[in-house]
Amino acid sequence: MKKTKCANPACGRLFTPSKFKPDQAYCGKAECARYRDALRQKKHYRKHIPEPDWRTSLMERKKRERARRLSRDAPLDDGQHPPSDDELMLDGVIAFVSGAKSTEELAEIRCKCLASGRALHYGAG
């Protein structure tokens, strides 16, 4: 199959387009996908920015997103951040396996698990 030069000026490497999309202009690298998506977004904005309704809805959406992000990232009263999804998953597994019913029980089990894990990896100490 014919090789094509990537349309990203920072890349320019030769690649074989997909047989399902023979007019593919960008290679499969992540930076080229970001470049392609940025160009697509700029084109979309240039097309719609003259429309006052679109511009108003864009500003309202951005304002809502910013407020949601700020409220999500705001620390709790005690200075702690809300638990991550991984921490919640771990707590759920511990509660499921151990039958723990409170956060105090979970904290105690997590401490024991951490001590056991350290002993396994770093030797009994």
PDB file of N, CA and C in Angstrom:
ATOM      1  N   MET A   1       0.837  -1.181   0.000  1.00  0.00           N
ATOM      2  CA  MET A   1       0.000   0.000   0.000  1.00  0.00           C
ATOM      3  C   MET A   1       0.884   1.248   0.000  1.00  0.00           C
ATOM      4  N   LYS A   2       0.382   2.314  -0.545  1.00  0.00           N
ATOM      5  CA  LYS A   2       1.136   3.549  -0.705  1.00  0.00           C
ATOM      6  C   LYS A   2       1.322   4.265   0.637  1.00  0.00           C
ATOM      7  N   LYS A   3       2.533   4.752   0.871  1.00  0.00           N
ATOM      8  CA  LYS A   3       2.839   5.507   2.089  1.00  0.00           C
ATOM      9  C   LYS A   3       2.419   6.960   1.887  1.00  0.00           C
ATOM     10  N   THR A   4       2.000   7.605   2.992  1.00  0.00           N
ATOM     11  CA  THR A   4       1.558   8.995   2.978  1.00  0.00           C
ATOM     12  C   THR A   4       2.329   9.754   4.047  1.00  0.00           C
ATOM     13  N   LYS A   5       2.621  11.018   3.783  1.00  0.00           N
ATOM     14  CA  LYS A   5       3.309  11.854   4.764  1.00  0.00           C
ATOM     15  C   LYS A   5       2.275  12.454   5.712  1.00  0.00           C
ATOM     16  N   CYS A   6       2.531  12.393   7.018  1.00  0.00           N
ATOM     17  CA  CYS A   6       1.621  12.938   8.031  1.00  0.00           C
ATOM     18  C   CYS A   6       1.463  14.444   7.821  1.00  0.00           C
ATOM     19  N   ALA A   7       0.228  14.946   7.918  1.00  0.00           N
ATOM     20  CA  ALA A   7      -0.066  16.356   7.675  1.00  0.00           C
ATOM     21  C   ALA A   7       0.325  17.259   8.843  1.00  0.00           C
ATOM     22  N   ASN A   8       0.704  16.674   9.974  1.00  0.00           N
ATOM     23  CA  ASN A   8       1.165  17.469  11.105  1.00  0.00           C
ATOM     24  C   ASN A   8       2.568  17.979  10.781  1.00  0.00           C
ATOM     25  N   PRO A   9       2.754  19.313  10.729  1.00  0.00           N
ATOM     26  CA  PRO A   9       4.068  19.843  10.359  1.00  0.00           C
ATOM     27  C   PRO A   9       5.174  19.446  11.342  1.00  0.00           C
ATOM     28  N   ALA A  10       4.840  19.185  12.590  1.00  0.00           N
ATOM     29  CA  ALA A  10       5.851  18.797  13.570  1.00  0.00           C
ATOM     30  C   ALA A  10       6.252  17.334  13.422  1.00  0.00           C
ATOM     31  N   CYS A  11       5.463  16.546  12.714  1.00  0.00           N
ATOM     32  CA  CYS A  11       5.734  15.114  12.582  1.00  0.00           C
ATOM     33  C   CYS A  11       6.302  14.813  11.197  1.00  0.00           C
ATOM     34  N   GLY A  12       5.457  14.807  10.201  1.00  0.00           N
ATOM     35  CA  GLY A  12       5.889  14.578   8.826  1.00  0.00           C
ATOM     36  C   GLY A  12       6.384  13.175   8.513  1.00  0.00           C
ATOM     37  N   ARG A  13       6.125  12.227   9.403  1.00  0.00           N
ATOM     38  CA  ARG A  13       6.619  10.868   9.144  1.00  0.00           C
ATOM     39  C   ARG A  13       5.755  10.170   8.096  1.00  0.00           C
ATOM     40  N   LEU A  14       6.321   9.178   7.444  1.00  0.00           N
ATOM     41  CA  LEU A  14       5.578   8.395   6.464  1.00  0.00           C
ATOM     42  C   LEU A  14       4.819   7.284   7.169  1.00  0.00           C
ATOM     43  N   PHE A  15       3.567   7.069   6.762  1.00  0.00           N
ATOM     44  CA  PHE A  15       2.754   6.017   7.348  1.00  0.00           C
ATOM     45  C   PHE A  15       1.844   5.440   6.284  1.00  0.00           C
ATOM     46  N   THR A  16       1.324   4.269   6.546  1.00  0.00           N
ATOM     47  CA  THR A  16       0.380   3.624   5.637  1.00  0.00           C
ATOM     48  C   THR A  16      -1.034   3.917   6.127  1.00  0.00           C
ATOM     49  N   PRO A  17      -1.864   4.584   5.320  1.00  0.00           N
ATOM     50  CA  PRO A  17      -3.232   4.882   5.749  1.00  0.00           C
ATOM     51  C   PRO A  17      -4.026   3.600   5.979  1.00  0.00           C
ATOM     52  N   SER A  18      -5.046   3.720   6.812  1.00  0.00           N
ATOM     53  CA  SER A  18      -5.923   2.586   7.087  1.00  0.00           C
ATOM     54  C   SER A  18      -6.632   2.161   5.812  1.00  0.00           C
ATOM     55  N   LYS A  19      -6.826   0.865   5.650  1.00  0.00           N
ATOM     56  CA  LYS A  19      -7.540   0.393   4.459  1.00  0.00           C
ATOM     57  C   LYS A  19      -9.004   0.831   4.496  1.00  0.00           C
ATOM     58  N   PHE A  20      -9.509   1.163   5.686  1.00  0.00           N
ATOM     59  CA  PHE A  20     -10.891   1.609   5.825  1.00  0.00           C
ATOM     60  C   PHE A  20     -11.027   3.116   5.612  1.00  0.00           C
ATOM     61  N   LYS A  21      -9.895   3.844   5.677  1.00  0.00           N
ATOM     62  CA  LYS A  21      -9.902   5.296   5.468  1.00  0.00           C
ATOM     63  C   LYS A  21      -8.667   5.660   4.646  1.00  0.00           C
ATOM     64  N   PRO A  22      -8.726   5.399   3.345  1.00  0.00           N
ATOM     65  CA  PRO A  22      -7.552   5.614   2.507  1.00  0.00           C
ATOM     66  C   PRO A  22      -7.128   7.077   2.390  1.00  0.00           C
ATOM     67  N   ASP A  23      -8.021   8.026   2.681  1.00  0.00           N
ATOM     68  CA  ASP A  23      -7.658   9.447   2.607  1.00  0.00           C
ATOM     69  C   ASP A  23      -7.150   9.977   3.950  1.00  0.00           C
ATOM     70  N   GLN A  24      -6.764   9.094   4.868  1.00  0.00           N
ATOM     71  CA  GLN A  24      -6.250   9.462   6.181  1.00  0.00           C
ATOM     72  C   GLN A  24      -5.044  10.379   6.018  1.00  0.00           C
ATOM     73  N   ALA A  25      -5.056  11.525   6.735  1.00  0.00           N
ATOM     74  CA  ALA A  25      -3.997  12.512   6.565  1.00  0.00           C
ATOM     75  C   ALA A  25      -2.996  12.528   7.711  1.00  0.00           C
ATOM     76  N   TYR A  26      -3.357  11.966   8.866  1.00  0.00           N
ATOM     77  CA  TYR A  26      -2.486  12.025  10.035  1.00  0.00           C
ATOM     78  C   TYR A  26      -2.124  10.614  10.476  1.00  0.00           C
ATOM     79  N   CYS A  27      -0.891  10.451  10.956  1.00  0.00           N
ATOM     80  CA  CYS A  27      -0.462   9.134  11.439  1.00  0.00           C
ATOM     81  C   CYS A  27      -1.149   8.844  12.777  1.00  0.00           C
ATOM     82  N   GLY A  28      -0.826   7.745  13.395  1.00  0.00           N
ATOM     83  CA  GLY A  28      -1.514   7.319  14.608  1.00  0.00           C
ATOM     84  C   GLY A  28      -0.915   7.825  15.898  1.00  0.00           C
ATOM     85  N   LYS A  29       0.109   8.674  15.847  1.00  0.00           N
ATOM     86  CA  LYS A  29       0.725   9.177  17.078  1.00  0.00           C
ATOM     87  C   LYS A  29      -0.245  10.092  17.822  1.00  0.00           C
ATOM     88  N   ALA A  30      -0.163  10.075  19.161  1.00  0.00           N
ATOM     89  CA  ALA A  30      -1.069  10.861  19.998  1.00  0.00           C
ATOM     90  C   ALA A  30      -0.932  12.361  19.729  1.00  0.00           C
ATOM     91  N   GLU A  31       0.302  12.834  19.519  1.00  0.00           N
ATOM     92  CA  GLU A  31       0.487  14.272  19.290  1.00  0.00           C
ATOM     93  C   GLU A  31      -0.167  14.703  17.965  1.00  0.00           C
ATOM     94  N   CYS A  32      -0.178  13.822  16.988  1.00  0.00           N
ATOM     95  CA  CYS A  32      -0.808  14.138  15.701  1.00  0.00           C
ATOM     96  C   CYS A  32      -2.337  14.141  15.844  1.00  0.00           C
ATOM     97  N   ALA A  33      -2.862  13.251  16.669  1.00  0.00           N
ATOM     98  CA  ALA A  33      -4.305  13.246  16.917  1.00  0.00           C
ATOM     99  C   ALA A  33      -4.712  14.533  17.637  1.00  0.00           C
ATOM    100  N   ARG A  34      -3.889  14.991  18.606  1.00  0.00           N
ATOM    101  CA  ARG A  34      -4.187  16.247  19.302  1.00  0.00           C
ATOM    102  C   ARG A  34      -4.147  17.425  18.326  1.00  0.00           C
ATOM    103  N   TYR A  35      -3.151  17.438  17.439  1.00  0.00           N
ATOM    104  CA  TYR A  35      -3.025  18.499  16.440  1.00  0.00           C
ATOM    105  C   TYR A  35      -4.252  18.511  15.527  1.00  0.00           C
ATOM    106  N   ARG A  36      -4.651  17.328  15.033  1.00  0.00           N
ATOM    107  CA  ARG A  36      -5.813  17.201  14.154  1.00  0.00           C
ATOM    108  C   ARG A  36      -7.083  17.690  14.862  1.00  0.00           C
ATOM    109  N   ASP A  37      -7.267  17.276  16.121  1.00  0.00           N
ATOM    110  CA  ASP A  37      -8.459  17.670  16.865  1.00  0.00           C
ATOM    111  C   ASP A  37      -8.477  19.167  17.148  1.00  0.00           C
ATOM    112  N   ALA A  38      -7.313  19.758  17.413  1.00  0.00           N
ATOM    113  CA  ALA A  38      -7.237  21.200  17.645  1.00  0.00           C
ATOM    114  C   ALA A  38      -7.617  21.967  16.383  1.00  0.00           C
ATOM    115  N   LEU A  39      -7.134  21.501  15.222  1.00  0.00           N
ATOM    116  CA  LEU A  39      -7.505  22.147  13.960  1.00  0.00           C
ATOM    117  C   LEU A  39      -9.013  22.046  13.713  1.00  0.00           C
ATOM    118  N   ARG A  40      -9.569  20.868  13.990  1.00  0.00           N
ATOM    119  CA  ARG A  40     -11.003  20.659  13.801  1.00  0.00           C
ATOM    120  C   ARG A  40     -11.807  21.596  14.707  1.00  0.00           C
ATOM    121  N   GLN A  41     -11.355  21.748  15.969  1.00  0.00           N
ATOM    122  CA  GLN A  41     -12.058  22.620  16.900  1.00  0.00           C
ATOM    123  C   GLN A  41     -11.959  24.082  16.462  1.00  0.00           C
ATOM    124  N   LYS A  42     -10.770  24.515  16.006  1.00  0.00           N
ATOM    125  CA  LYS A  42     -10.619  25.894  15.525  1.00  0.00           C
ATOM    126  C   LYS A  42     -11.546  26.165  14.349  1.00  0.00           C
ATOM    127  N   LYS A  43     -11.636  25.212  13.425  1.00  0.00           N
ATOM    128  CA  LYS A  43     -12.518  25.364  12.266  1.00  0.00           C
ATOM    129  C   LYS A  43     -13.973  25.475  12.714  1.00  0.00           C
ATOM    130  N   HIS A  44     -14.368  24.651  13.673  1.00  0.00           N
ATOM    131  CA  HIS A  44     -15.739  24.677  14.188  1.00  0.00           C
ATOM    132  C   HIS A  44     -16.036  26.032  14.844  1.00  0.00           C
ATOM    133  N   TYR A  45     -15.099  26.533  15.652  1.00  0.00           N
ATOM    134  CA  TYR A  45     -15.302  27.821  16.317  1.00  0.00           C
ATOM    135  C   TYR A  45     -15.415  28.948  15.294  1.00  0.00           C
ATOM    136  N   ARG A  46     -14.505  28.967  14.291  1.00  0.00           N
ATOM    137  CA  ARG A  46     -14.553  30.013  13.273  1.00  0.00           C
ATOM    138  C   ARG A  46     -15.882  30.012  12.523  1.00  0.00           C
ATOM    139  N   LYS A  47     -16.422  28.810  12.308  1.00  0.00           N
ATOM    140  CA  LYS A  47     -17.684  28.688  11.579  1.00  0.00           C
ATOM    141  C   LYS A  47     -18.858  29.239  12.395  1.00  0.00           C
ATOM    142  N   HIS A  48     -18.863  28.966  13.720  1.00  0.00           N
ATOM    143  CA  HIS A  48     -20.029  29.295  14.534  1.00  0.00           C
ATOM    144  C   HIS A  48     -19.918  30.581  15.341  1.00  0.00           C
ATOM    145  N   ILE A  49     -18.730  31.145  15.506  1.00  0.00           N
ATOM    146  CA  ILE A  49     -18.560  32.317  16.361  1.00  0.00           C
ATOM    147  C   ILE A  49     -19.407  33.518  15.918  1.00  0.00           C
ATOM    148  N   PRO A  50     -19.704  33.734  14.624  1.00  0.00           N
ATOM    149  CA  PRO A  50     -20.549  34.865  14.255  1.00  0.00           C
ATOM    150  C   PRO A  50     -22.012  34.724  14.710  1.00  0.00           C
ATOM    151  N   GLU A  51     -22.427  33.511  15.072  1.00  0.00           N
ATOM    152  CA  GLU A  51     -23.807  33.287  15.498  1.00  0.00           C
ATOM    153  C   GLU A  51     -23.953  33.679  16.967  1.00  0.00           C
ATOM    154  N   PRO A  52     -24.770  34.713  17.279  1.00  0.00           N
ATOM    155  CA  PRO A  52     -24.884  35.185  18.663  1.00  0.00           C
ATOM    156  C   PRO A  52     -25.461  34.124  19.614  1.00  0.00           C
ATOM    157  N   ASP A  53     -26.416  33.324  19.164  1.00  0.00           N
ATOM    158  CA  ASP A  53     -26.995  32.294  20.031  1.00  0.00           C
ATOM    159  C   ASP A  53     -25.954  31.244  20.399  1.00  0.00           C
ATOM    160  N   TRP A  54     -25.158  30.843  19.428  1.00  0.00           N
ATOM    161  CA  TRP A  54     -24.125  29.840  19.682  1.00  0.00           C
ATOM    162  C   TRP A  54     -23.092  30.381  20.655  1.00  0.00           C
ATOM    163  N   ARG A  55     -22.681  31.638  20.434  1.00  0.00           N
ATOM    164  CA  ARG A  55     -21.681  32.263  21.296  1.00  0.00           C
ATOM    165  C   ARG A  55     -22.196  32.371  22.736  1.00  0.00           C
ATOM    166  N   THR A  56     -23.478  32.751  22.892  1.00  0.00           N
ATOM    167  CA  THR A  56     -24.078  32.873  24.223  1.00  0.00           C
ATOM    168  C   THR A  56     -24.135  31.509  24.907  1.00  0.00           C
ATOM    169  N   SER A  57     -24.562  30.487  24.182  1.00  0.00           N
ATOM    170  CA  SER A  57     -24.653  29.157  24.788  1.00  0.00           C
ATOM    171  C   SER A  57     -23.260  28.624  25.140  1.00  0.00           C
ATOM    172  N   LEU A  58     -22.252  28.950  24.324  1.00  0.00           N
ATOM    173  CA  LEU A  58     -20.887  28.534  24.620  1.00  0.00           C
ATOM    174  C   LEU A  58     -20.415  29.158  25.926  1.00  0.00           C
ATOM    175  N   MET A  59     -20.641  30.460  26.079  1.00  0.00           N
ATOM    176  CA  MET A  59     -20.198  31.153  27.292  1.00  0.00           C
ATOM    177  C   MET A  59     -20.908  30.600  28.526  1.00  0.00           C
ATOM    178  N   GLU A  60     -22.200  30.316  28.409  1.00  0.00           N
ATOM    179  CA  GLU A  60     -22.945  29.758  29.543  1.00  0.00           C
ATOM    180  C   GLU A  60     -22.418  28.374  29.900  1.00  0.00           C
ATOM    181  N   ARG A  61     -22.143  27.544  28.883  1.00  0.00           N
ATOM    182  CA  ARG A  61     -21.632  26.204  29.132  1.00  0.00           C
ATOM    183  C   ARG A  61     -20.263  26.262  29.801  1.00  0.00           C
ATOM    184  N   LYS A  62     -19.388  27.142  29.318  1.00  0.00           N
ATOM    185  CA  LYS A  62     -18.059  27.277  29.908  1.00  0.00           C
ATOM    186  C   LYS A  62     -18.154  27.753  31.361  1.00  0.00           C
ATOM    187  N   LYS A  63     -19.085  28.650  31.624  1.00  0.00           N
ATOM    188  CA  LYS A  63     -19.273  29.157  32.984  1.00  0.00           C
ATOM    189  C   LYS A  63     -19.722  28.024  33.917  1.00  0.00           C
ATOM    190  N   ARG A  64     -20.668  27.184  33.450  1.00  0.00           N
ATOM    191  CA  ARG A  64     -21.135  26.036  34.253  1.00  0.00           C
ATOM    192  C   ARG A  64     -20.003  25.046  34.495  1.00  0.00           C
ATOM    193  N   GLU A  65     -19.213  24.758  33.448  1.00  0.00           N
ATOM    194  CA  GLU A  65     -18.092  23.823  33.593  1.00  0.00           C
ATOM    195  C   GLU A  65     -17.079  24.338  34.605  1.00  0.00           C
ATOM    196  N   ARG A  66     -16.762  25.623  34.527  1.00  0.00           N
ATOM    197  CA  ARG A  66     -15.797  26.222  35.453  1.00  0.00           C
ATOM    198  C   ARG A  66     -16.298  26.139  36.889  1.00  0.00           C
ATOM    199  N   ALA A  67     -17.586  26.449  37.098  1.00  0.00           N
ATOM    200  CA  ALA A  67     -18.170  26.394  38.442  1.00  0.00           C
ATOM    201  C   ALA A  67     -18.161  24.959  38.969  1.00  0.00           C
ATOM    202  N   ARG A  68     -18.493  23.994  38.104  1.00  0.00           N
ATOM    203  CA  ARG A  68     -18.499  22.592  38.526  1.00  0.00           C
ATOM    204  C   ARG A  68     -17.088  22.132  38.894  1.00  0.00           C
ATOM    205  N   ARG A  69     -16.115  22.533  38.083  1.00  0.00           N
ATOM    206  CA  ARG A  69     -14.734  22.144  38.343  1.00  0.00           C
ATOM    207  C   ARG A  69     -14.226  22.759  39.646  1.00  0.00           C
ATOM    208  N   LEU A  70     -14.552  24.029  39.878  1.00  0.00           N
ATOM    209  CA  LEU A  70     -14.115  24.692  41.104  1.00  0.00           C
ATOM    210  C   LEU A  70     -14.772  24.071  42.328  1.00  0.00           C
ATOM    211  N   SER A  71     -16.055  23.714  42.219  1.00  0.00           N
ATOM    212  CA  SER A  71     -16.731  23.110  43.366  1.00  0.00           C
ATOM    213  C   SER A  71     -16.199  21.700  43.623  1.00  0.00           C
ATOM    214  N   ARG A  72     -15.846  20.980  42.572  1.00  0.00           N
ATOM    215  CA  ARG A  72     -15.318  19.622  42.722  1.00  0.00           C
ATOM    216  C   ARG A  72     -13.924  19.657  43.333  1.00  0.00           C
ATOM    217  N   ASP A  73     -13.125  20.665  42.966  1.00  0.00           N
ATOM    218  CA  ASP A  73     -11.748  20.747  43.441  1.00  0.00           C
ATOM    219  C   ASP A  73     -11.620  21.464  44.780  1.00  0.00           C
ATOM    220  N   ALA A  74     -12.720  22.029  45.282  1.00  0.00           N
ATOM    221  CA  ALA A  74     -12.662  22.753  46.547  1.00  0.00           C
ATOM    222  C   ALA A  74     -12.372  21.770  47.680  1.00  0.00           C
ATOM    223  N   PRO A  75     -11.438  22.109  48.585  1.00  0.00           N
ATOM    224  CA  PRO A  75     -11.155  21.196  49.694  1.00  0.00           C
ATOM    225  C   PRO A  75     -12.330  21.129  50.656  1.00  0.00           C
ATOM    226  N   LEU A  76     -12.427  20.036  51.368  1.00  0.00           N
ATOM    227  CA  LEU A  76     -13.467  19.889  52.375  1.00  0.00           C
ATOM    228  C   LEU A  76     -13.139  20.774  53.570  1.00  0.00           C
ATOM    229  N   ASP A  77     -14.069  20.892  54.523  1.00  0.00           N
ATOM    230  CA  ASP A  77     -13.881  21.774  55.674  1.00  0.00           C
ATOM    231  C   ASP A  77     -12.621  21.463  56.468  1.00  0.00           C
ATOM    232  N   ASP A  78     -12.256  20.185  56.558  1.00  0.00           N
ATOM    233  CA  ASP A  78     -11.084  19.802  57.344  1.00  0.00           C
ATOM    234  C   ASP A  78      -9.784  19.880  56.537  1.00  0.00           C
ATOM    235  N   GLY A  79      -9.836  20.481  55.362  1.00  0.00           N
ATOM    236  CA  GLY A  79      -8.651  20.643  54.540  1.00  0.00           C
ATOM    237  C   GLY A  79      -8.335  19.435  53.671  1.00  0.00           C
ATOM    238  N   GLN A  80      -9.134  18.406  53.711  1.00  0.00           N
ATOM    239  CA  GLN A  80      -8.925  17.201  52.932  1.00  0.00           C
ATOM    240  C   GLN A  80      -9.668  17.296  51.606  1.00  0.00           C
ATOM    241  N   HIS A  81      -9.141  16.628  50.592  1.00  0.00           N
ATOM    242  CA  HIS A  81      -9.833  16.534  49.312  1.00  0.00           C
ATOM    243  C   HIS A  81     -10.736  15.311  49.335  1.00  0.00           C
ATOM    244  N   PRO A  82     -11.805  15.312  48.553  1.00  0.00           N
ATOM    245  CA  PRO A  82     -12.659  14.120  48.507  1.00  0.00           C
ATOM    246  C   PRO A  82     -11.852  12.930  47.991  1.00  0.00           C
ATOM    247  N   PRO A  83     -12.230  11.716  48.401  1.00  0.00           N
ATOM    248  CA  PRO A  83     -11.463  10.541  47.975  1.00  0.00           C
ATOM    249  C   PRO A  83     -11.559  10.332  46.471  1.00  0.00           C
ATOM    250  N   SER A  84     -10.482   9.807  45.906  1.00  0.00           N
ATOM    251  CA  SER A  84     -10.464   9.514  44.470  1.00  0.00           C
ATOM    252  C   SER A  84     -11.296   8.269  44.202  1.00  0.00           C
ATOM    253  N   ASP A  85     -11.574   8.010  42.936  1.00  0.00           N
ATOM    254  CA  ASP A  85     -12.323   6.806  42.564  1.00  0.00           C
ATOM    255  C   ASP A  85     -11.566   5.544  42.973  1.00  0.00           C
ATOM    256  N   ASP A  86     -10.227   5.575  42.876  1.00  0.00           N
ATOM    257  CA  ASP A  86      -9.432   4.412  43.277  1.00  0.00           C
ATOM    258  C   ASP A  86      -9.570   4.146  44.778  1.00  0.00           C
ATOM    259  N   GLU A  87      -9.547   5.224  45.579  1.00  0.00           N
ATOM    260  CA  GLU A  87      -9.709   5.058  47.019  1.00  0.00           C
ATOM    261  C   GLU A  87     -11.100   4.537  47.362  1.00  0.00           C
ATOM    262  N   LEU A  88     -12.108   5.050  46.676  1.00  0.00           N
ATOM    263  CA  LEU A  88     -13.474   4.565  46.905  1.00  0.00           C
ATOM    264  C   LEU A  88     -13.606   3.101  46.510  1.00  0.00           C
ATOM    265  N   MET A  89     -12.958   2.721  45.408  1.00  0.00           N
ATOM    266  CA  MET A  89     -12.994   1.324  44.967  1.00  0.00           C
ATOM    267  C   MET A  89     -12.325   0.427  46.002  1.00  0.00           C
ATOM    268  N   LEU A  90     -11.163   0.845  46.498  1.00  0.00           N
ATOM    269  CA  LEU A  90     -10.461   0.062  47.503  1.00  0.00           C
ATOM    270  C   LEU A  90     -11.314  -0.094  48.766  1.00  0.00           C
ATOM    271  N   ASP A  91     -11.920   1.005  49.214  1.00  0.00           N
ATOM    272  CA  ASP A  91     -12.795   0.929  50.387  1.00  0.00           C
ATOM    273  C   ASP A  91     -13.969  -0.010  50.140  1.00  0.00           C
ATOM    274  N   GLY A  92     -14.521   0.025  48.937  1.00  0.00           N
ATOM    275  CA  GLY A  92     -15.621  -0.864  48.607  1.00  0.00           C
ATOM    276  C   GLY A  92     -15.212  -2.323  48.635  1.00  0.00           C
ATOM    277  N   VAL A  93     -14.033  -2.618  48.110  1.00  0.00           N
ATOM    278  CA  VAL A  93     -13.532  -4.004  48.118  1.00  0.00           C
ATOM    279  C   VAL A  93     -13.293  -4.464  49.554  1.00  0.00           C
ATOM    280  N   ILE A  94     -12.655  -3.598  50.355  1.00  0.00           N
ATOM    281  CA  ILE A  94     -12.399  -3.948  51.753  1.00  0.00           C
ATOM    282  C   ILE A  94     -13.715  -4.208  52.485  1.00  0.00           C
ATOM    283  N   ALA A  95     -14.689  -3.317  52.300  1.00  0.00           N
ATOM    284  CA  ALA A  95     -15.986  -3.487  52.972  1.00  0.00           C
ATOM    285  C   ALA A  95     -16.671  -4.760  52.504  1.00  0.00           C
ATOM    286  N   PHE A  96     -16.598  -5.056  51.221  1.00  0.00           N
ATOM    287  CA  PHE A  96     -17.242  -6.251  50.672  1.00  0.00           C
ATOM    288  C   PHE A  96     -16.620  -7.524  51.232  1.00  0.00           C
ATOM    289  N   VAL A  97     -15.275  -7.555  51.254  1.00  0.00           N
ATOM    290  CA  VAL A  97     -14.572  -8.759  51.696  1.00  0.00           C
ATOM    291  C   VAL A  97     -14.641  -8.930  53.210  1.00  0.00           C
ATOM    292  N   SER A  98     -14.494  -7.811  53.942  1.00  0.00           N
ATOM    293  CA  SER A  98     -14.398  -7.916  55.400  1.00  0.00           C
ATOM    294  C   SER A  98     -15.735  -7.766  56.111  1.00  0.00           C
ATOM    295  N   GLY A  99     -16.712  -7.178  55.423  1.00  0.00           N
ATOM    296  CA  GLY A  99     -17.993  -6.921  56.079  1.00  0.00           C
ATOM    297  C   GLY A  99     -17.973  -5.664  56.930  1.00  0.00           C
ATOM    298  N   ALA A 100     -16.954  -4.803  56.759  1.00  0.00           N
ATOM    299  CA  ALA A 100     -16.860  -3.564  57.535  1.00  0.00           C
ATOM    300  C   ALA A 100     -18.057  -2.674  57.236  1.00  0.00           C
ATOM    301  N   LYS A 101     -18.563  -2.013  58.288  1.00  0.00           N
ATOM    302  CA  LYS A 101     -19.762  -1.193  58.137  1.00  0.00           C
ATOM    303  C   LYS A 101     -19.516   0.298  58.372  1.00  0.00           C
ATOM    304  N   SER A 102     -18.323   0.673  58.822  1.00  0.00           N
ATOM    305  CA  SER A 102     -18.070   2.089  59.096  1.00  0.00           C
ATOM    306  C   SER A 102     -16.708   2.497  58.557  1.00  0.00           C
ATOM    307  N   THR A 103     -16.501   3.799  58.450  1.00  0.00           N
ATOM    308  CA  THR A 103     -15.218   4.306  57.953  1.00  0.00           C
ATOM    309  C   THR A 103     -14.105   4.034  58.961  1.00  0.00           C
ATOM    310  N   GLU A 104     -14.449   3.971  60.243  1.00  0.00           N
ATOM    311  CA  GLU A 104     -13.438   3.650  61.250  1.00  0.00           C
ATOM    312  C   GLU A 104     -12.915   2.230  61.056  1.00  0.00           C
ATOM    313  N   GLU A 105     -13.835   1.291  60.810  1.00  0.00           N
ATOM    314  CA  GLU A 105     -13.420  -0.090  60.555  1.00  0.00           C
ATOM    315  C   GLU A 105     -12.557  -0.159  59.293  1.00  0.00           C
ATOM    316  N   LEU A 106     -12.981   0.566  58.252  1.00  0.00           N
ATOM    317  CA  LEU A 106     -12.208   0.580  57.009  1.00  0.00           C
ATOM    318  C   LEU A 106     -10.804   1.119  57.235  1.00  0.00           C
ATOM    319  N   ALA A 107     -10.690   2.206  58.005  1.00  0.00           N
ATOM    320  CA  ALA A 107      -9.382   2.809  58.268  1.00  0.00           C
ATOM    321  C   ALA A 107      -8.479   1.833  59.014  1.00  0.00           C
ATOM    322  N   GLU A 108      -9.044   1.112  59.969  1.00  0.00           N
ATOM    323  CA  GLU A 108      -8.262   0.140  60.737  1.00  0.00           C
ATOM    324  C   GLU A 108      -7.773  -0.993  59.831  1.00  0.00           C
ATOM    325  N   ILE A 109      -8.646  -1.491  58.965  1.00  0.00           N
ATOM    326  CA  ILE A 109      -8.274  -2.579  58.058  1.00  0.00           C
ATOM    327  C   ILE A 109      -7.238  -2.094  57.045  1.00  0.00           C
ATOM    328  N   ARG A 110      -7.405  -0.860  56.555  1.00  0.00           N
ATOM    329  CA  ARG A 110      -6.428  -0.312  55.601  1.00  0.00           C
ATOM    330  C   ARG A 110      -5.044  -0.215  56.234  1.00  0.00           C
ATOM    331  N   CYS A 111      -4.975   0.202  57.496  1.00  0.00           N
ATOM    332  CA  CYS A 111      -3.688   0.295  58.194  1.00  0.00           C
ATOM    333  C   CYS A 111      -3.045  -1.083  58.319  1.00  0.00           C
ATOM    334  N   LYS A 112      -3.848  -2.086  58.673  1.00  0.00           N
ATOM    335  CA  LYS A 112      -3.321  -3.450  58.785  1.00  0.00           C
ATOM    336  C   LYS A 112      -2.836  -3.949  57.423  1.00  0.00           C
ATOM    337  N   CYS A 113      -3.600  -3.672  56.368  1.00  0.00           N
ATOM    338  CA  CYS A 113      -3.210  -4.097  55.013  1.00  0.00           C
ATOM    339  C   CYS A 113      -1.923  -3.405  54.580  1.00  0.00           C
ATOM    340  N   LEU A 114      -1.801  -2.125  54.892  1.00  0.00           N
ATOM    341  CA  LEU A 114      -0.595  -1.379  54.547  1.00  0.00           C
ATOM    342  C   LEU A 114       0.614  -1.956  55.275  1.00  0.00           C
ATOM    343  N   ALA A 115       0.463  -2.266  56.556  1.00  0.00           N
ATOM    344  CA  ALA A 115       1.565  -2.852  57.331  1.00  0.00           C
ATOM    345  C   ALA A 115       1.950  -4.213  56.755  1.00  0.00           C
ATOM    346  N   SER A 116       0.967  -5.031  56.392  1.00  0.00           N
ATOM    347  CA  SER A 116       1.251  -6.344  55.805  1.00  0.00           C
ATOM    348  C   SER A 116       1.958  -6.199  54.463  1.00  0.00           C
ATOM    349  N   GLY A 117       1.514  -5.265  53.647  1.00  0.00           N
ATOM    350  CA  GLY A 117       2.134  -5.031  52.342  1.00  0.00           C
ATOM    351  C   GLY A 117       3.571  -4.572  52.472  1.00  0.00           C
ATOM    352  N   ARG A 118       3.828  -3.684  53.436  1.00  0.00           N
ATOM    353  CA  ARG A 118       5.207  -3.232  53.663  1.00  0.00           C
ATOM    354  C   ARG A 118       6.077  -4.384  54.137  1.00  0.00           C
ATOM    355  N   ALA A 119       5.511  -5.217  55.002  1.00  0.00           N
ATOM    356  CA  ALA A 119       6.281  -6.362  55.506  1.00  0.00           C
ATOM    357  C   ALA A 119       6.615  -7.318  54.364  1.00  0.00           C
ATOM    358  N   LEU A 120       5.670  -7.524  53.452  1.00  0.00           N
ATOM    359  CA  LEU A 120       5.922  -8.416  52.316  1.00  0.00           C
ATOM    360  C   LEU A 120       6.992  -7.868  51.387  1.00  0.00           C
ATOM    361  N   HIS A 121       6.935  -6.578  51.107  1.00  0.00           N
ATOM    362  CA  HIS A 121       7.860  -5.977  50.140  1.00  0.00           C
ATOM    363  C   HIS A 121       9.220  -5.633  50.743  1.00  0.00           C
ATOM    364  N   TYR A 122       9.213  -5.158  51.973  1.00  0.00           N
ATOM    365  CA  TYR A 122      10.464  -4.665  52.552  1.00  0.00           C
ATOM    366  C   TYR A 122      11.011  -5.548  53.670  1.00  0.00           C
ATOM    367  N   GLY A 123      10.356  -6.669  53.898  1.00  0.00           N
ATOM    368  CA  GLY A 123      10.796  -7.573  54.953  1.00  0.00           C
ATOM    369  C   GLY A 123      10.178  -7.208  56.284  1.00  0.00           C
ATOM    370  N   ALA A 124      10.018  -8.177  57.133  1.00  0.00           N
ATOM    371  CA  ALA A 124       9.410  -7.927  58.442  1.00  0.00           C
ATOM    372  C   ALA A 124      10.317  -6.994  59.232  1.00  0.00           C
ATOM    373  N   GLY A 125       9.692  -5.971  59.799  1.00  0.00           N
ATOM    374  CA  GLY A 125      10.530  -5.012  60.493  1.00  0.00           C
ATOM    375  C   GLY A 125      10.014  -4.590  61.795  1.00  0.00           C
TER     376      GLY A 125
END
